[in-house]
Protein backbone atom coordinates (compact mmCIF):
# COMPACT_ATOMS: atom_id res chain seq x y z
CA MET A 1 -42.50 -53.82 60.93
CA LYS A 2 -40.50 -54.67 57.81
CA ASN A 3 -39.73 -52.56 54.78
CA THR A 4 -41.76 -53.29 51.65
CA ASP A 5 -39.60 -54.20 48.64
CA LEU A 6 -41.78 -54.66 45.59
CA SER A 7 -38.80 -55.48 43.38
CA ASP A 8 -39.22 -59.14 44.32
CA GLU A 9 -42.58 -60.16 42.89
CA SER A 10 -42.26 -63.69 44.26
CA ASN A 11 -42.43 -62.36 47.82
CA PHE A 12 -45.07 -59.72 47.17
CA GLY A 13 -47.14 -61.30 44.39
CA ASP A 14 -50.40 -60.97 46.34
CA GLN A 15 -49.61 -57.40 47.27
CA LEU A 16 -48.83 -56.45 43.66
CA LYS A 17 -52.02 -58.13 42.50
CA LEU A 18 -54.01 -56.25 45.12
CA ARG A 19 -52.47 -52.92 44.13
CA ARG A 20 -53.16 -53.57 40.46
CA GLU A 21 -56.80 -54.34 41.20
CA ILE A 22 -57.16 -51.13 43.18
CA VAL A 23 -55.54 -49.04 40.43
CA SER A 24 -57.83 -50.50 37.75
CA ARG A 25 -60.90 -49.97 39.93
CA VAL A 26 -60.08 -46.35 40.77
CA VAL A 27 -58.99 -45.16 37.30
CA GLN A 28 -61.73 -47.19 35.56
CA ALA A 29 -59.46 -47.79 32.60
CA GLU A 30 -57.50 -50.69 31.17
CA VAL A 31 -53.91 -50.73 32.43
CA LYS A 32 -51.13 -52.32 30.38
CA TRP A 33 -48.58 -53.65 32.88
CA LEU A 34 -45.08 -53.35 31.38
CA ASN A 35 -43.39 -55.01 34.36
CA SER A 36 -44.13 -55.86 37.99
CA LYS A 37 -44.22 -52.22 39.08
CA LEU A 38 -44.95 -50.09 35.99
CA GLY A 39 -48.16 -49.75 34.02
CA GLN A 40 -49.39 -47.59 31.14
CA LEU A 41 -52.93 -46.31 30.66
CA THR A 42 -55.04 -43.58 29.13
CA CYS A 43 -55.69 -40.74 31.56
CA PRO A 44 -59.15 -39.12 32.04
CA ALA A 45 -58.20 -36.36 29.57
CA GLY A 46 -57.45 -38.95 26.86
CA HIS A 47 -53.63 -38.94 26.99
CA SER A 48 -52.48 -42.47 26.20
CA ASN A 49 -49.01 -42.04 27.72
CA CYS A 50 -50.04 -41.92 31.39
CA TRP A 51 -47.95 -44.03 33.78
CA VAL A 52 -48.66 -45.69 37.11
CA HIS A 53 -45.86 -46.73 39.46
CA LEU A 54 -46.72 -49.39 42.03
CA ASP A 55 -43.65 -49.25 44.26
CA ARG A 56 -43.68 -47.26 47.48
CA ALA A 57 -46.07 -44.29 47.21
CA VAL A 58 -48.21 -45.33 44.25
CA ASN A 59 -48.44 -42.47 41.78
CA LEU A 60 -50.08 -41.61 38.46
CA HIS A 61 -47.92 -39.53 36.13
CA CYS A 62 -48.82 -37.91 32.81
CA PRO A 63 -45.96 -36.14 30.91
CA GLY A 64 -46.47 -32.41 30.75
CA GLY A 65 -46.82 -31.87 34.49
CA SER A 66 -49.12 -29.25 36.00
CA GLU A 67 -49.67 -27.55 32.61
CA ARG A 68 -51.91 -30.43 31.54
CA LYS A 69 -55.62 -30.21 32.26
CA CYS A 70 -55.54 -33.74 33.71
CA TYR A 71 -53.00 -32.85 36.41
CA ALA A 72 -55.42 -32.04 39.25
CA GLU A 73 -57.62 -35.06 38.54
CA LEU A 74 -54.59 -37.38 38.44
CA GLN A 75 -53.45 -36.03 41.81
CA LYS A 76 -56.88 -36.81 43.28
CA LEU A 77 -56.91 -40.30 41.74
CA SER A 78 -53.41 -40.95 43.14
CA ASP A 79 -54.60 -39.91 46.61
CA ASP A 80 -57.64 -42.20 46.32
CA ILE A 81 -55.47 -45.11 45.20
CA ARG A 82 -53.00 -44.65 48.06
CA ALA A 83 -55.83 -44.40 50.61
CA GLN A 84 -57.46 -47.60 49.37
CA ILE A 85 -54.10 -49.40 49.30
CA ARG A 86 -53.38 -48.41 52.93
CA GLU A 87 -56.79 -49.69 54.01
CA ALA A 88 -56.66 -52.90 51.95
CA GLU A 89 -53.09 -53.85 52.87
CA GLY A 90 -53.83 -53.27 56.54
CA ASP A 91 -56.88 -55.53 56.37
CA ALA A 92 -55.03 -58.16 54.36
CA GLY A 93 -52.11 -58.23 56.79
CA CYS A 94 -49.64 -57.24 54.10
CA VAL A 95 -46.24 -55.88 55.02
CA GLN A 96 -46.46 -52.09 55.46
CA TRP A 97 -43.88 -49.74 54.05
CA GLU A 98 -41.47 -48.05 56.42
CA PRO A 99 -38.76 -45.54 55.47
CA THR A 100 -35.30 -46.97 54.94
CA GLU A 101 -32.11 -45.15 55.83
CA ALA A 102 -31.95 -43.98 52.21
CA ASP A 103 -35.48 -42.60 52.52
CA LYS A 104 -34.52 -40.73 55.68
CA ARG A 105 -31.46 -39.25 53.97
CA LEU A 106 -33.68 -38.13 51.08
CA ALA A 107 -36.10 -36.47 53.49
CA ALA A 108 -33.19 -34.66 55.18
CA MET A 109 -31.94 -33.49 51.76
CA ARG A 110 -35.38 -32.07 51.01
CA VAL A 111 -35.34 -30.12 54.25
CA GLN A 112 -31.86 -28.80 53.43
CA TYR A 113 -33.02 -27.83 49.94
CA ALA A 114 -35.98 -25.90 51.35
CA GLU A 115 -33.61 -24.03 53.67
CA GLN A 116 -31.36 -23.15 50.72
CA VAL A 117 -34.35 -21.78 48.77
CA ILE A 118 -35.27 -19.53 51.71
CA TYR A 119 -31.64 -18.36 52.05
CA PHE A 120 -31.33 -17.47 48.35
CA TYR A 121 -34.72 -15.75 48.39
CA ARG A 122 -33.70 -13.53 51.29
CA ASN A 123 -30.08 -12.88 50.36
CA THR A 124 -29.26 -13.47 46.67
CA ARG A 125 -32.53 -12.41 45.04
CA PRO A 126 -32.26 -8.74 46.21
CA ILE A 127 -28.73 -8.57 44.76
CA ILE A 128 -29.86 -9.88 41.36
CA PHE A 129 -32.69 -7.38 41.01
CA LYS A 130 -30.72 -4.44 42.40
CA LYS A 131 -29.66 -3.50 38.86
CA PRO A 132 -32.70 -4.24 36.69
CA LYS A 133 -32.44 -5.03 32.98
CA THR A 134 -35.05 -5.25 30.25
CA VAL A 135 -35.94 -7.67 27.47
CA ASP A 136 -34.48 -5.13 25.04
CA ASP A 137 -31.18 -5.26 26.97
CA LEU A 138 -31.22 -9.03 26.60
CA CYS A 139 -31.84 -8.80 22.84
CA ARG A 140 -29.05 -6.24 22.40
CA THR A 141 -26.50 -8.57 24.01
CA SER A 142 -27.24 -11.41 21.55
CA PRO A 143 -23.95 -12.28 19.73
CA PHE A 144 -25.98 -13.60 16.77
CA VAL A 145 -28.03 -11.10 14.78
CA ILE A 146 -31.39 -12.86 14.56
CA PRO A 147 -33.04 -12.57 11.09
CA PRO A 148 -36.46 -10.93 11.13
CA GLN A 149 -38.37 -13.84 9.52
CA VAL A 150 -39.98 -15.19 12.70
CA GLU A 151 -41.26 -18.39 11.08
CA ASN A 152 -37.66 -19.43 10.33
CA GLN A 153 -36.21 -18.72 13.77
CA TRP A 154 -36.47 -22.36 14.90
CA ARG A 155 -33.70 -23.21 12.42
CA TRP A 156 -30.93 -21.18 14.05
CA PRO A 157 -30.62 -23.04 17.40
CA LEU A 158 -30.62 -26.35 15.52
CA LYS A 159 -27.94 -25.09 13.12
CA TYR A 160 -25.65 -23.39 15.63
CA LEU A 161 -26.10 -25.31 18.90
CA PHE A 162 -25.98 -28.95 17.75
CA SER A 163 -24.10 -31.26 15.42
CA PRO A 164 -25.96 -32.21 12.22
CA ASP A 165 -26.45 -35.81 13.43
CA SER A 166 -27.92 -34.87 16.83
CA VAL A 167 -31.41 -36.40 17.19
CA ILE A 168 -33.74 -33.71 18.56
CA TRP A 169 -37.38 -34.00 19.62
CA ILE A 170 -39.83 -31.28 18.48
CA GLY A 171 -43.60 -31.33 18.87
CA GLU A 172 -46.56 -31.25 21.26
CA SER A 173 -45.74 -32.28 24.84
CA HIS A 174 -47.84 -35.46 24.59
CA GLU A 175 -46.16 -36.67 21.37
CA THR A 176 -44.00 -39.35 22.93
CA SER A 177 -44.09 -43.00 24.01
CA GLU A 178 -45.91 -44.29 20.90
CA PRO A 179 -44.24 -45.64 17.71
CA GLU A 180 -46.15 -43.08 15.62
CA TYR A 181 -44.24 -40.31 17.41
CA GLN A 182 -40.89 -41.42 16.01
CA ARG A 183 -41.50 -38.71 13.39
CA ASN A 184 -40.93 -36.14 16.15
CA PHE A 185 -37.36 -37.39 16.66
CA ARG A 186 -35.14 -36.30 13.79
CA THR A 187 -31.55 -35.24 13.36
CA ALA A 188 -30.83 -31.53 13.24
CA GLN A 189 -29.89 -31.97 9.59
CA GLN A 190 -33.23 -33.65 8.81
CA TRP A 191 -35.17 -30.87 10.51
CA LEU A 192 -33.20 -28.24 8.59
CA ARG A 193 -34.07 -29.89 5.28
CA ARG A 194 -37.68 -28.79 5.68
CA PRO A 195 -38.77 -26.28 3.00
CA PRO A 196 -37.88 -22.63 3.61
CA VAL A 197 -40.40 -20.48 5.47
CA LYS A 198 -42.04 -23.59 6.96
CA MET A 199 -43.16 -23.13 10.56
CA ALA A 200 -41.70 -25.15 13.39
CA ASN A 201 -43.24 -28.48 14.29
CA GLY A 202 -43.60 -27.16 17.91
CA PRO A 203 -44.74 -25.68 20.09
CA GLN A 204 -42.06 -27.34 22.22
CA TRP A 205 -38.70 -28.99 21.75
CA SER A 206 -36.19 -30.75 23.96
CA PRO A 207 -32.55 -29.61 23.98
CA ALA A 208 -31.49 -33.17 24.89
CA VAL A 209 -29.95 -35.50 22.30
CA PHE A 210 -31.72 -38.86 21.82
CA PRO A 211 -30.70 -42.12 20.08
CA ALA A 212 -31.73 -42.77 16.48
CA GLY A 213 -34.97 -44.71 16.07
CA ASN A 214 -36.26 -43.58 19.46
CA TYR A 215 -39.85 -42.53 20.20
CA HIS A 216 -39.71 -42.14 24.01
CA ARG A 217 -38.84 -38.69 25.36
CA ARG A 218 -37.68 -39.81 28.78
CA GLU A 219 -34.57 -39.34 30.86
CA GLU A 220 -33.15 -42.85 30.48
CA ASN A 221 -33.15 -42.43 26.67
CA VAL A 222 -31.10 -39.24 26.67
CA VAL A 223 -27.73 -39.81 24.96
CA ARG A 224 -26.33 -36.53 26.24
CA GLN A 225 -27.61 -33.29 27.68
CA ILE A 226 -25.62 -30.39 26.31
CA TYR A 227 -27.96 -27.67 27.57
CA PHE A 228 -30.48 -27.40 30.38
CA PRO A 229 -33.73 -25.42 30.05
CA VAL A 230 -34.64 -22.65 32.48
CA GLU A 231 -38.17 -21.27 32.28
CA GLY A 232 -39.24 -17.99 33.78
CA ASP A 233 -42.89 -17.22 34.46
CA ALA A 234 -45.30 -15.14 36.51
CA PRO A 235 -45.14 -13.59 39.07
CA LEU A 236 -41.90 -12.32 37.50
CA SER A 237 -42.41 -9.81 34.69
CA LEU A 238 -40.62 -10.37 31.39
CA ASP A 239 -38.08 -7.68 32.30
CA GLU A 240 -37.44 -9.32 35.68
CA GLN A 241 -36.94 -12.67 33.95
CA ALA A 242 -34.47 -11.04 31.55
CA THR A 243 -32.63 -9.52 34.53
CA ALA A 244 -32.34 -12.90 36.24
CA ILE A 245 -31.29 -14.73 33.05
CA LEU A 246 -28.53 -12.21 32.31
CA TRP A 247 -27.28 -12.54 35.90
CA LEU A 248 -27.34 -16.35 35.70
CA SER A 249 -25.32 -16.18 32.47
CA LYS A 250 -22.37 -15.14 34.66
CA VAL A 251 -22.54 -18.61 36.22
CA TYR A 252 -23.33 -20.79 33.16
CA PRO A 253 -22.88 -19.80 29.46
CA LEU A 254 -26.20 -18.68 27.96
CA ALA A 255 -26.94 -20.38 24.63
CA SER A 256 -30.38 -19.05 23.69
CA VAL A 257 -33.54 -17.34 24.94
CA THR A 258 -37.02 -17.72 23.44
CA TYR A 259 -40.10 -15.65 24.20
CA SER A 260 -43.12 -17.91 24.76
CA GLY A 261 -45.58 -15.53 23.13
CA ARG A 262 -47.26 -14.95 26.47
CA ALA A 263 -45.65 -14.31 29.85
CA SER A 264 -42.42 -16.32 30.00
CA LEU A 265 -38.86 -16.48 28.71
CA HIS A 266 -37.25 -19.86 28.04
CA ALA A 267 -33.45 -19.94 28.30
CA LEU A 268 -30.94 -22.66 27.45
CA PHE A 269 -27.68 -22.76 29.41
CA LEU A 270 -24.64 -24.90 28.71
CA LYS A 271 -24.53 -27.70 31.24
CA PRO A 272 -21.09 -28.25 32.78
CA HIS A 273 -19.40 -31.60 32.07
CA LYS A 274 -18.64 -32.15 35.71
CA VAL A 275 -20.56 -30.70 38.63
CA ASP A 276 -21.04 -32.22 42.06
CA PHE A 277 -24.54 -32.96 43.27
CA GLU A 278 -24.54 -30.40 46.07
CA SER A 279 -23.52 -27.56 43.73
CA TRP A 280 -26.23 -28.56 41.25
CA GLN A 281 -28.83 -28.66 44.05
CA ARG A 282 -27.77 -25.19 45.21
CA PHE A 283 -28.17 -23.86 41.68
CA ARG A 284 -31.61 -25.48 41.47
CA ALA A 285 -32.52 -23.88 44.82
CA LEU A 286 -31.43 -20.51 43.43
CA LEU A 287 -33.75 -20.94 40.44
CA ASP A 288 -36.54 -21.89 42.84
CA ALA A 289 -35.88 -18.77 44.92
CA LEU A 290 -36.13 -16.70 41.72
CA GLU A 291 -39.58 -18.28 41.15
CA PHE A 292 -38.51 -19.94 37.91
CA ASP A 293 -40.60 -22.88 36.74
CA LEU A 294 -38.61 -26.07 37.46
CA GLY A 295 -41.08 -28.43 35.79
CA ASN A 296 -38.73 -28.97 32.82
CA PHE A 297 -35.42 -28.61 34.66
CA ARG A 298 -34.36 -32.20 33.91
CA ARG A 299 -32.49 -34.28 31.35
CA ALA A 300 -35.46 -34.72 29.02
CA GLY A 301 -37.05 -31.36 29.84
CA THR A 302 -38.73 -29.29 27.14
CA SER A 303 -38.59 -25.65 26.17
CA ARG A 304 -40.60 -23.36 23.90
CA CYS A 305 -39.58 -23.71 20.25
CA PRO A 306 -39.05 -20.41 18.39
CA GLY A 307 -40.77 -19.89 15.06
CA PHE A 308 -44.09 -21.37 16.18
CA LEU A 309 -47.35 -19.39 16.00
CA ARG A 310 -49.00 -20.06 19.33
CA SER A 311 -52.80 -20.13 19.31
CA PRO A 312 -54.72 -18.75 22.31
CA ASP A 313 -54.45 -21.47 24.94
CA LYS A 314 -55.02 -19.41 28.10
CA PRO A 315 -57.94 -17.16 29.10
CA GLU A 316 -55.67 -14.09 29.07
CA MET A 317 -54.57 -14.76 25.47
CA LYS A 318 -56.90 -12.94 23.07
CA THR A 319 -54.97 -13.50 19.84
CA SER A 320 -52.28 -15.78 18.45
CA ALA A 321 -48.64 -14.86 19.18
CA TRP A 322 -45.27 -15.93 17.84
CA GLN A 323 -42.73 -17.76 19.96
CA GLN A 324 -39.68 -15.68 19.12
CA LEU A 325 -35.95 -16.19 19.40
CA LEU A 326 -34.49 -13.24 21.34
CA TYR A 327 -30.92 -14.36 21.99
CA LEU A 328 -28.48 -16.85 20.44
CA ASP A 329 -24.78 -17.42 21.08
CA PRO A 330 -23.18 -19.92 18.61
CA SER A 331 -19.89 -19.75 20.56
CA VAL A 332 -21.47 -21.79 23.37
CA TRP A 333 -21.53 -24.84 21.06
CA GLN A 334 -17.86 -24.20 20.28
CA ARG A 335 -17.07 -24.12 24.00
CA TYR A 336 -18.85 -27.44 24.44
CA GLN A 337 -16.79 -29.03 21.67
CA GLU A 338 -13.55 -27.63 23.06
CA ASN A 339 -14.33 -29.10 26.47
CA LEU A 340 -14.67 -32.53 24.86
CA LEU A 341 -11.10 -32.44 23.59
């Protein structure tokens, strides 16, 4: 049995056509095919920036991950599509996919990663929480004295952690991939020109730097990633998250921490210029063992934007709450610049 390579449409034109027909039938929506393997559509929840990938394990993806209400339905639709493709391609005599050596190496890496998570959970996690800290301890260690006007707190990370010409995305998680969302990509200087005491555009922002004129918040469009977001969440309490973040700051310089207004702390750490893949995977496994949310631990990942009044968006939220800046270290930006020299 041969390996399926959908990169060559001339060899697999019938197979691609079959897969497209199945996708359209299952999702019951018009799909705009951008190339032989990638399509864009509106998901069942009405998000127009949903993607379908035809190569290998066909998958529907809507930015925002499991936080979006459409996530569970998209997973079910993806399963239905893959099941129908397996049945149809078998009946049609199409070439079936088999794992390549690269696929086998990836599977082995995933097994190794899972073992690392278990190791850190059993060995490193008890050490981190042996000396507990609190959110107040975290706030007291902030090198920058954060002004009390909460609605202006979004300004300080932009002012002290980026150059004035850095293009930063701020907005709702779905505000990407359409020309109209170019307004969400502005330089730090342009954002800071907004009138005083004007709330953040939020509720989220990306610490990545994008090119001018861009309206796609995706990894391939990132010019540079100075910081990486780390998001704590339940089952860790806020104090436990603060304990873990302060401990992690011994490994990577801590730039800022924002309270989500609910049950999580969002930290930004300075990303090293050079780090080997294995070391980065071990650090990721450590975060996983600490039960941090890794949904945004990527180049174009998002984080909660301080200075935004968050409306009740979860059953446990009874009233609105501010997303507040708890910690800021302007010297981290200076360290980044010094490393460039």
